[in-house]
Amino acid sequence: MGLAQIEQLLKLYPQRVVLVDEAYVDFGGDSAIPLIDQYPNLLVVHTLSKSRSLAGLRVGFACGQAPLIDALARVKNSFNSYPLDRLAIAGALAALKTTLTLSRPARR
């Protein structure tokens, strides 16, 4: 689904949360993250298991406006059966620091 279609959904359903899963965006898609400032109902999630090969660590992140992120933080321990340990956090941080280097080859 392209950004124009995502934006249509966001406008059509302003009272609903629109969740965009960007698990494969590094392989050629356009990220919806730039739309977050315009749409308080947009939540973008991204896993580090695909383009950064961290599947075993079960690491990802969510981007959205503060109220959505605050709501996630309030409920995360009630459904998250994969708490992050120090190794997972260190691996995730290292992977995120190399985003620019990795995203160029992945998009070719």
Protein backbone atom coordinates (compact mmCIF):
# COMPACT_ATOMS: atom_id res chain seq x y z
CA MET A 1 0.00 0.00 0.00
CA GLY A 2 1.42 3.37 -0.95
CA LEU A 3 1.61 6.52 1.16
CA ALA A 4 -1.30 8.13 -0.72
CA GLN A 5 -3.54 5.18 0.19
CA ILE A 6 -2.39 5.26 3.80
CA GLU A 7 -3.15 8.97 3.94
CA GLN A 8 -6.65 8.30 2.54
CA LEU A 9 -7.28 5.82 5.37
CA LEU A 10 -6.01 8.28 7.95
CA LYS A 11 -8.38 10.95 6.67
CA LEU A 12 -11.31 8.56 6.30
CA TYR A 13 -10.98 7.18 9.84
CA PRO A 14 -9.63 10.01 12.03
CA GLN A 15 -11.08 8.45 15.21
CA ARG A 16 -9.42 5.07 14.56
CA VAL A 17 -5.79 4.10 14.96
CA VAL A 18 -4.22 3.21 11.63
CA LEU A 19 -1.34 0.79 12.18
CA VAL A 20 1.31 0.53 9.47
CA ASP A 21 3.64 -2.46 9.72
CA GLU A 22 6.96 -1.58 8.07
CA ALA A 23 8.70 -4.92 8.49
CA TYR A 24 9.87 -4.87 4.86
CA VAL A 25 10.11 -1.13 4.16
CA ASP A 26 13.91 -1.25 4.03
CA PHE A 27 13.68 -3.44 0.94
CA GLY A 28 12.10 -0.75 -1.21
CA GLY A 29 9.00 0.79 0.33
CA ASP A 30 8.37 4.33 1.48
CA SER A 31 8.08 4.84 5.23
CA ALA A 32 4.92 6.37 6.65
CA ILE A 33 6.90 7.94 9.51
CA PRO A 34 6.90 11.41 7.84
CA LEU A 35 3.08 11.40 8.09
CA ILE A 36 3.06 11.08 11.89
CA ASP A 37 3.20 14.82 12.57
CA GLN A 38 0.05 15.35 10.49
CA TYR A 39 -2.01 12.43 11.77
CA PRO A 40 -2.44 11.71 15.48
CA ASN A 41 -4.12 8.39 14.61
CA LEU A 42 -1.06 6.94 12.83
CA LEU A 43 1.10 4.31 14.50
CA VAL A 44 4.05 2.92 12.55
CA VAL A 45 5.75 -0.26 13.76
CA HIS A 46 9.05 -1.61 12.53
CA THR A 47 10.83 -4.85 13.32
CA LEU A 48 14.58 -5.27 13.31
CA SER A 49 14.24 -8.95 12.40
CA LYS A 50 14.10 -8.56 8.62
CA SER A 51 16.61 -6.11 7.11
CA ARG A 52 18.87 -6.17 10.17
CA SER A 53 18.72 -9.96 10.72
CA LEU A 54 17.82 -9.79 14.41
CA ALA A 55 14.89 -12.23 14.32
CA GLY A 56 16.03 -14.16 17.36
CA LEU A 57 16.10 -11.04 19.53
CA ARG A 58 12.42 -10.12 18.90
CA VAL A 59 13.20 -6.39 18.77
CA GLY A 60 11.21 -3.61 17.14
CA PHE A 61 9.91 -0.12 17.73
CA ALA A 62 6.79 1.96 17.29
CA CYS A 63 6.52 5.57 16.14
CA GLY A 64 3.53 7.82 16.66
CA GLN A 65 2.38 10.94 18.41
CA ALA A 66 2.83 11.07 22.18
CA PRO A 67 -0.71 9.94 23.16
CA LEU A 68 -0.42 6.72 21.15
CA ILE A 69 3.05 5.92 22.46
CA ASP A 70 1.93 6.68 26.02
CA ALA A 71 -0.99 4.26 25.59
CA LEU A 72 1.38 1.54 24.35
CA ALA A 73 3.72 2.12 27.30
CA ARG A 74 0.82 1.73 29.76
CA VAL A 75 -0.20 -1.70 28.44
CA LYS A 76 3.08 -3.16 27.13
CA ASN A 77 3.80 -5.38 30.14
CA SER A 78 0.33 -6.93 30.05
CA PHE A 79 0.86 -8.54 26.63
CA ASN A 80 4.58 -8.46 25.90
CA SER A 81 5.90 -11.95 26.51
CA TYR A 82 9.33 -11.02 25.14
CA PRO A 83 10.98 -8.59 27.56
CA LEU A 84 14.26 -7.18 26.26
CA ASP A 85 17.51 -8.09 27.95
CA ARG A 86 20.76 -6.12 27.75
CA LEU A 87 22.06 -8.14 24.82
CA ALA A 88 18.91 -7.49 22.77
CA ILE A 89 19.03 -3.78 23.58
CA ALA A 90 22.71 -3.56 22.63
CA GLY A 91 22.09 -5.40 19.36
CA ALA A 92 19.12 -3.19 18.52
CA LEU A 93 21.06 0.01 19.21
CA ALA A 94 23.98 -1.14 17.08
CA ALA A 95 21.59 -2.06 14.25
CA LEU A 96 19.84 1.31 14.42
CA LYS A 97 23.16 3.15 14.35
CA THR A 98 24.01 1.44 11.06
CA THR A 99 20.65 2.22 9.44
CA LEU A 100 22.08 4.54 6.79
CA THR A 101 24.79 2.08 5.83
CA LEU A 102 22.42 -0.88 5.59
CA SER A 103 19.47 0.81 3.93
CA ARG A 104 21.43 1.79 0.80
CA PRO A 105 22.37 -1.78 -0.23
CA ALA A 106 18.96 -3.18 0.78
CA ARG A 107 17.16 -0.77 -1.56
CA ARG A 108 19.22 -1.70 -4.65
